[in-house]
Every structure is written in structure tokens, then in C-alpha cells.
Amino acid sequence: MSANEIETKMACDHASKNDVATPEAHTFFQKAYADESGHRDWMDSAAAALRRRRYPPANAGGFLLDGVAP
């Protein structure tokens, strides 16, 4: 999924900068780029949260952050 988000962002970025594209197309691809950036940010934060649950910090006393033992 991450690779798809990266490729889609790159495609939208290139398309939004295309000299022969209409102003409407530029706007469409700029919005699509922003949307894909939001997807990627969400995916990154969700993955980080899952990693924290699986590998809690050393000061968590061997328990997950929500108090449930691994």
C-alpha cells in the first residue's frame, strides 16, 4: 500500500506540473496530490501506533500501553 501511495503522489505531482494540462487539470491533480498525502500520513501514523502497541517502550513494565500483557 505504501508503494502505491508513493507512486500515486508522484504521478499526481508530475501531472499537476504538466505544461500542456488545462488549469482545471492542474487543480484536479493538486487536490489529488493533497488527498494522497493525507492517506500516506494516516498510514504512517497508524503503522507507528501499531508498532508502539507491539513493541512498548522499556519503561512500560513489560505491558502494552493500554495495560494488556503481550
PDB file of N, CA and C in Angstrom:
ATOM      1  N   MET A   1       0.819  -1.189   0.000  1.00  0.00           N
ATOM      2  CA  MET A   1       0.000   0.000   0.000  1.00  0.00           C
ATOM      3  C   MET A   1       0.862   1.252   0.000  1.00  0.00           C
ATOM      4  N   SER A   2       1.933   1.210   0.743  1.00  0.00           N
ATOM      5  CA  SER A   2       2.801   2.373   0.817  1.00  0.00           C
ATOM      6  C   SER A   2       3.393   2.708  -0.551  1.00  0.00           C
ATOM      7  N   ALA A   3       3.820   1.688  -1.270  1.00  0.00           N
ATOM      8  CA  ALA A   3       4.402   1.917  -2.599  1.00  0.00           C
ATOM      9  C   ALA A   3       3.366   2.529  -3.531  1.00  0.00           C
ATOM     10  N   ASN A   4       2.125   2.081  -3.426  1.00  0.00           N
ATOM     11  CA  ASN A   4       1.065   2.635  -4.262  1.00  0.00           C
ATOM     12  C   ASN A   4       0.849   4.116  -3.951  1.00  0.00           C
ATOM     13  N   GLU A   5       0.857   4.469  -2.671  1.00  0.00           N
ATOM     14  CA  GLU A   5       0.678   5.875  -2.296  1.00  0.00           C
ATOM     15  C   GLU A   5       1.819   6.731  -2.850  1.00  0.00           C
ATOM     16  N   ILE A   6       3.027   6.217  -2.769  1.00  0.00           N
ATOM     17  CA  ILE A   6       4.184   6.959  -3.279  1.00  0.00           C
ATOM     18  C   ILE A   6       4.057   7.164  -4.786  1.00  0.00           C
ATOM     19  N   GLU A   7       3.735   6.101  -5.498  1.00  0.00           N
ATOM     20  CA  GLU A   7       3.608   6.199  -6.960  1.00  0.00           C
ATOM     21  C   GLU A   7       2.470   7.128  -7.366  1.00  0.00           C
ATOM     22  N   THR A   8       1.359   7.051  -6.650  1.00  0.00           N
ATOM     23  CA  THR A   8       0.218   7.913  -6.971  1.00  0.00           C
ATOM     24  C   THR A   8       0.557   9.370  -6.702  1.00  0.00           C
ATOM     25  N   LYS A   9       1.237   9.637  -5.583  1.00  0.00           N
ATOM     26  CA  LYS A   9       1.650  11.012  -5.285  1.00  0.00           C
ATOM     27  C   LYS A   9       2.578  11.546  -6.370  1.00  0.00           C
ATOM     28  N   MET A  10       3.534  10.719  -6.789  1.00  0.00           N
ATOM     29  CA  MET A  10       4.470  11.154  -7.838  1.00  0.00           C
ATOM     30  C   MET A  10       3.725  11.443  -9.137  1.00  0.00           C
ATOM     31  N   ALA A  11       2.782  10.571  -9.502  1.00  0.00           N
ATOM     32  CA  ALA A  11       2.027  10.762 -10.734  1.00  0.00           C
ATOM     33  C   ALA A  11       1.202  12.041 -10.668  1.00  0.00           C
ATOM     34  N   CYS A  12       0.557  12.275  -9.535  1.00  0.00           N
ATOM     35  CA  CYS A  12      -0.246  13.491  -9.379  1.00  0.00           C
ATOM     36  C   CYS A  12       0.628  14.735  -9.419  1.00  0.00           C
ATOM     37  N   ASP A  13       1.792  14.658  -8.798  1.00  0.00           N
ATOM     38  CA  ASP A  13       2.709  15.795  -8.803  1.00  0.00           C
ATOM     39  C   ASP A  13       3.168  16.114 -10.223  1.00  0.00           C
ATOM     40  N   HIS A  14       3.571  15.088 -10.954  1.00  0.00           N
ATOM     41  CA  HIS A  14       4.015  15.308 -12.335  1.00  0.00           C
ATOM     42  C   HIS A  14       2.879  15.841 -13.196  1.00  0.00           C
ATOM     43  N   ALA A  15       1.698  15.270 -13.043  1.00  0.00           N
ATOM     44  CA  ALA A  15       0.552  15.701 -13.852  1.00  0.00           C
ATOM     45  C   ALA A  15       0.169  17.138 -13.533  1.00  0.00           C
ATOM     46  N   SER A  16       0.263  17.531 -12.267  1.00  0.00           N
ATOM     47  CA  SER A  16      -0.114  18.900 -11.897  1.00  0.00           C
ATOM     48  C   SER A  16       0.866  19.932 -12.439  1.00  0.00           C
ATOM     49  N   LYS A  17       2.059  19.500 -12.829  1.00  0.00           N
ATOM     50  CA  LYS A  17       3.081  20.409 -13.356  1.00  0.00           C
ATOM     51  C   LYS A  17       3.236  20.308 -14.872  1.00  0.00           C
ATOM     52  N   ASN A  18       2.380  19.539 -15.514  1.00  0.00           N
ATOM     53  CA  ASN A  18       2.465  19.341 -16.952  1.00  0.00           C
ATOM     54  C   ASN A  18       2.090  20.633 -17.676  1.00  0.00           C
ATOM     55  N   ASP A  19       2.959  21.105 -18.559  1.00  0.00           N
ATOM     56  CA  ASP A  19       2.752  22.373 -19.254  1.00  0.00           C
ATOM     57  C   ASP A  19       1.540  22.370 -20.181  1.00  0.00           C
ATOM     58  N   VAL A  20       1.167  21.224 -20.700  1.00  0.00           N
ATOM     59  CA  VAL A  20       0.051  21.192 -21.654  1.00  0.00           C
ATOM     60  C   VAL A  20      -1.295  20.907 -20.984  1.00  0.00           C
ATOM     61  N   ALA A  21      -1.290  20.651 -19.689  1.00  0.00           N
ATOM     62  CA  ALA A  21      -2.544  20.385 -18.978  1.00  0.00           C
ATOM     63  C   ALA A  21      -3.341  21.679 -18.817  1.00  0.00           C
ATOM     64  N   THR A  22      -4.645  21.533 -18.815  1.00  0.00           N
ATOM     65  CA  THR A  22      -5.529  22.691 -18.623  1.00  0.00           C
ATOM     66  C   THR A  22      -5.449  23.150 -17.161  1.00  0.00           C
ATOM     67  N   PRO A  23      -5.857  24.382 -16.895  1.00  0.00           N
ATOM     68  CA  PRO A  23      -5.888  24.843 -15.499  1.00  0.00           C
ATOM     69  C   PRO A  23      -6.764  23.945 -14.614  1.00  0.00           C
ATOM     70  N   GLU A  24      -7.856  23.443 -15.182  1.00  0.00           N
ATOM     71  CA  GLU A  24      -8.729  22.549 -14.421  1.00  0.00           C
ATOM     72  C   GLU A  24      -7.994  21.257 -14.055  1.00  0.00           C
ATOM     73  N   ALA A  25      -7.204  20.745 -14.998  1.00  0.00           N
ATOM     74  CA  ALA A  25      -6.438  19.525 -14.742  1.00  0.00           C
ATOM     75  C   ALA A  25      -5.381  19.776 -13.671  1.00  0.00           C
ATOM     76  N   HIS A  26      -4.723  20.930 -13.741  1.00  0.00           N
ATOM     77  CA  HIS A  26      -3.736  21.277 -12.715  1.00  0.00           C
ATOM     78  C   HIS A  26      -4.395  21.270 -11.331  1.00  0.00           C
ATOM     79  N   THR A  27      -5.541  21.903 -11.224  1.00  0.00           N
ATOM     80  CA  THR A  27      -6.263  21.961  -9.949  1.00  0.00           C
ATOM     81  C   THR A  27      -6.663  20.571  -9.484  1.00  0.00           C
ATOM     82  N   PHE A  28      -7.184  19.759 -10.400  1.00  0.00           N
ATOM     83  CA  PHE A  28      -7.604  18.394 -10.061  1.00  0.00           C
ATOM     84  C   PHE A  28      -6.437  17.598  -9.491  1.00  0.00           C
ATOM     85  N   PHE A  29      -5.293  17.641 -10.167  1.00  0.00           N
ATOM     86  CA  PHE A  29      -4.148  16.847  -9.723  1.00  0.00           C
ATOM     87  C   PHE A  29      -3.506  17.406  -8.455  1.00  0.00           C
ATOM     88  N   GLN A  30      -3.584  18.708  -8.252  1.00  0.00           N
ATOM     89  CA  GLN A  30      -3.091  19.273  -6.996  1.00  0.00           C
ATOM     90  C   GLN A  30      -3.935  18.784  -5.824  1.00  0.00           C
ATOM     91  N   LYS A  31      -5.262  18.741  -6.024  1.00  0.00           N
ATOM     92  CA  LYS A  31      -6.144  18.223  -4.973  1.00  0.00           C
ATOM     93  C   LYS A  31      -5.904  16.732  -4.747  1.00  0.00           C
ATOM     94  N   ALA A  32      -5.706  16.004  -5.829  1.00  0.00           N
ATOM     95  CA  ALA A  32      -5.448  14.566  -5.709  1.00  0.00           C
ATOM     96  C   ALA A  32      -4.140  14.320  -4.958  1.00  0.00           C
ATOM     97  N   TYR A  33      -3.129  15.142  -5.234  1.00  0.00           N
ATOM     98  CA  TYR A  33      -1.847  15.023  -4.535  1.00  0.00           C
ATOM     99  C   TYR A  33      -2.040  15.252  -3.036  1.00  0.00           C
ATOM    100  N   ALA A  34      -2.788  16.300  -2.678  1.00  0.00           N
ATOM    101  CA  ALA A  34      -3.043  16.594  -1.268  1.00  0.00           C
ATOM    102  C   ALA A  34      -3.800  15.438  -0.604  1.00  0.00           C
ATOM    103  N   ASP A  35      -4.746  14.868  -1.319  1.00  0.00           N
ATOM    104  CA  ASP A  35      -5.517  13.740  -0.801  1.00  0.00           C
ATOM    105  C   ASP A  35      -4.615  12.536  -0.553  1.00  0.00           C
ATOM    106  N   GLU A  36      -3.750  12.235  -1.505  1.00  0.00           N
ATOM    107  CA  GLU A  36      -2.825  11.109  -1.350  1.00  0.00           C
ATOM    108  C   GLU A  36      -1.836  11.363  -0.218  1.00  0.00           C
ATOM    109  N   SER A  37      -1.433  12.617  -0.045  1.00  0.00           N
ATOM    110  CA  SER A  37      -0.532  12.955   1.063  1.00  0.00           C
ATOM    111  C   SER A  37      -1.217  12.661   2.397  1.00  0.00           C
ATOM    112  N   GLY A  38      -2.499  12.978   2.480  1.00  0.00           N
ATOM    113  CA  GLY A  38      -3.260  12.686   3.690  1.00  0.00           C
ATOM    114  C   GLY A  38      -3.349  11.193   3.951  1.00  0.00           C
ATOM    115  N   HIS A  39      -3.558  10.412   2.887  1.00  0.00           N
ATOM    116  CA  HIS A  39      -3.598   8.952   3.026  1.00  0.00           C
ATOM    117  C   HIS A  39      -2.272   8.444   3.579  1.00  0.00           C
ATOM    118  N   ARG A  40      -1.195   8.928   3.003  1.00  0.00           N
ATOM    119  CA  ARG A  40       0.135   8.470   3.406  1.00  0.00           C
ATOM    120  C   ARG A  40       0.421   8.847   4.848  1.00  0.00           C
ATOM    121  N   ASP A  41       0.062  10.064   5.232  1.00  0.00           N
ATOM    122  CA  ASP A  41       0.278  10.489   6.618  1.00  0.00           C
ATOM    123  C   ASP A  41      -0.501   9.602   7.583  1.00  0.00           C
ATOM    124  N   TRP A  42      -1.753   9.273   7.217  1.00  0.00           N
ATOM    125  CA  TRP A  42      -2.570   8.412   8.068  1.00  0.00           C
ATOM    126  C   TRP A  42      -1.939   7.019   8.168  1.00  0.00           C
ATOM    127  N   MET A  43      -1.508   6.481   7.034  1.00  0.00           N
ATOM    128  CA  MET A  43      -0.898   5.151   7.041  1.00  0.00           C
ATOM    129  C   MET A  43       0.345   5.129   7.930  1.00  0.00           C
ATOM    130  N   ASP A  44       1.168   6.161   7.829  1.00  0.00           N
ATOM    131  CA  ASP A  44       2.387   6.223   8.637  1.00  0.00           C
ATOM    132  C   ASP A  44       2.056   6.300  10.125  1.00  0.00           C
ATOM    133  N   SER A  45       1.068   7.119  10.492  1.00  0.00           N
ATOM    134  CA  SER A  45       0.733   7.242  11.907  1.00  0.00           C
ATOM    135  C   SER A  45       0.076   5.967  12.426  1.00  0.00           C
ATOM    136  N   ALA A  46      -0.743   5.307  11.608  1.00  0.00           N
ATOM    137  CA  ALA A  46      -1.363   4.043  12.022  1.00  0.00           C
ATOM    138  C   ALA A  46      -0.303   2.962  12.213  1.00  0.00           C
ATOM    139  N   ALA A  47       0.658   2.895  11.320  1.00  0.00           N
ATOM    140  CA  ALA A  47       1.730   1.902  11.435  1.00  0.00           C
ATOM    141  C   ALA A  47       2.571   2.167  12.679  1.00  0.00           C
ATOM    142  N   ALA A  48       2.845   3.428  12.964  1.00  0.00           N
ATOM    143  CA  ALA A  48       3.629   3.763  14.160  1.00  0.00           C
ATOM    144  C   ALA A  48       2.866   3.368  15.423  1.00  0.00           C
ATOM    145  N   ALA A  49       1.559   3.593  15.439  1.00  0.00           N
ATOM    146  CA  ALA A  49       0.755   3.222  16.604  1.00  0.00           C
ATOM    147  C   ALA A  49       0.766   1.710  16.801  1.00  0.00           C
ATOM    148  N   LEU A  50       0.685   0.955  15.719  1.00  0.00           N
ATOM    149  CA  LEU A  50       0.733  -0.499  15.830  1.00  0.00           C
ATOM    150  C   LEU A  50       2.087  -0.982  16.332  1.00  0.00           C
ATOM    151  N   ARG A  51       3.154  -0.343  15.855  1.00  0.00           N
ATOM    152  CA  ARG A  51       4.487  -0.716  16.334  1.00  0.00           C
ATOM    153  C   ARG A  51       4.621  -0.431  17.827  1.00  0.00           C
ATOM    154  N   ARG A  52       4.063   0.701  18.274  1.00  0.00           N
ATOM    155  CA  ARG A  52       4.141   1.030  19.706  1.00  0.00           C
ATOM    156  C   ARG A  52       3.376   0.008  20.538  1.00  0.00           C
ATOM    157  N   ARG A  53       2.263  -0.477  20.035  1.00  0.00           N
ATOM    158  CA  ARG A  53       1.495  -1.488  20.774  1.00  0.00           C
ATOM    159  C   ARG A  53       2.263  -2.807  20.830  1.00  0.00           C
ATOM    160  N   ARG A  54       2.915  -3.145  19.739  1.00  0.00           N
ATOM    161  CA  ARG A  54       3.637  -4.424  19.677  1.00  0.00           C
ATOM    162  C   ARG A  54       4.959  -4.358  20.433  1.00  0.00           C
ATOM    163  N   TYR A  55       5.621  -3.220  20.364  1.00  0.00           N
ATOM    164  CA  TYR A  55       6.924  -3.055  20.996  1.00  0.00           C
ATOM    165  C   TYR A  55       6.885  -1.832  21.915  1.00  0.00           C
ATOM    166  N   PRO A  56       6.299  -1.996  23.104  1.00  0.00           N
ATOM    167  CA  PRO A  56       6.176  -0.843  24.004  1.00  0.00           C
ATOM    168  C   PRO A  56       7.540  -0.372  24.487  1.00  0.00           C
ATOM    169  N   PRO A  57       7.608   0.865  24.935  1.00  0.00           N
ATOM    170  CA  PRO A  57       8.877   1.374  25.455  1.00  0.00           C
ATOM    171  C   PRO A  57       9.329   0.574  26.676  1.00  0.00           C
ATOM    172  N   ALA A  58      10.610   0.626  26.957  1.00  0.00           N
ATOM    173  CA  ALA A  58      11.192  -0.163  28.047  1.00  0.00           C
ATOM    174  C   ALA A  58      10.556   0.181  29.389  1.00  0.00           C
ATOM    175  N   ASN A  59      10.110   1.406  29.574  1.00  0.00           N
ATOM    176  CA  ASN A  59       9.538   1.810  30.858  1.00  0.00           C
ATOM    177  C   ASN A  59       8.071   1.407  31.000  1.00  0.00           C
ATOM    178  N   ALA A  60       7.551   0.606  30.066  1.00  0.00           N
ATOM    179  CA  ALA A  60       6.155   0.179  30.153  1.00  0.00           C
ATOM    180  C   ALA A  60       5.999  -1.045  31.055  1.00  0.00           C
ATOM    181  N   GLY A  61       7.066  -1.544  31.633  1.00  0.00           N
ATOM    182  CA  GLY A  61       6.990  -2.642  32.584  1.00  0.00           C
ATOM    183  C   GLY A  61       6.591  -3.969  31.969  1.00  0.00           C
ATOM    184  N   GLY A  62       6.864  -4.160  30.685  1.00  0.00           N
ATOM    185  CA  GLY A  62       6.527  -5.414  30.036  1.00  0.00           C
ATOM    186  C   GLY A  62       5.075  -5.500  29.597  1.00  0.00           C
ATOM    187  N   PHE A  63       4.328  -4.435  29.767  1.00  0.00           N
ATOM    188  CA  PHE A  63       2.927  -4.420  29.364  1.00  0.00           C
ATOM    189  C   PHE A  63       2.732  -3.455  28.210  1.00  0.00           C
ATOM    190  N   LEU A  64       1.712  -3.721  27.447  1.00  0.00           N
ATOM    191  CA  LEU A  64       1.373  -2.798  26.370  1.00  0.00           C
ATOM    192  C   LEU A  64       0.855  -1.501  26.974  1.00  0.00           C
ATOM    193  N   LEU A  65       0.829  -0.462  26.179  1.00  0.00           N
ATOM    194  CA  LEU A  65       0.457   0.852  26.680  1.00  0.00           C
ATOM    195  C   LEU A  65      -0.960   0.881  27.236  1.00  0.00           C
ATOM    196  N   ASP A  66      -1.852   0.010  26.759  1.00  0.00           N
ATOM    197  CA  ASP A  66      -3.215   0.017  27.274  1.00  0.00           C
ATOM    198  C   ASP A  66      -3.367  -0.912  28.469  1.00  0.00           C
ATOM    199  N   GLY A  67      -2.262  -1.469  28.986  1.00  0.00           N
ATOM    200  CA  GLY A  67      -2.282  -2.287  30.176  1.00  0.00           C
ATOM    201  C   GLY A  67      -2.517  -3.763  29.929  1.00  0.00           C
ATOM    202  N   VAL A  68      -2.580  -4.185  28.685  1.00  0.00           N
ATOM    203  CA  VAL A  68      -2.818  -5.589  28.352  1.00  0.00           C
ATOM    204  C   VAL A  68      -1.462  -6.252  28.100  1.00  0.00           C
ATOM    205  N   ALA A  69      -1.241  -7.374  28.754  1.00  0.00           N
ATOM    206  CA  ALA A  69       0.032  -8.077  28.601  1.00  0.00           C
ATOM    207  C   ALA A  69       0.194  -8.597  27.180  1.00  0.00           C
ATOM    208  N   PRO A  70       1.433  -8.630  26.681  1.00  0.00           N
ATOM    209  CA  PRO A  70       1.669  -9.141  25.323  1.00  0.00           C
ATOM    210  C   PRO A  70       1.388 -10.636  25.214  1.00  0.00           C
TER     211      PRO A  70
END
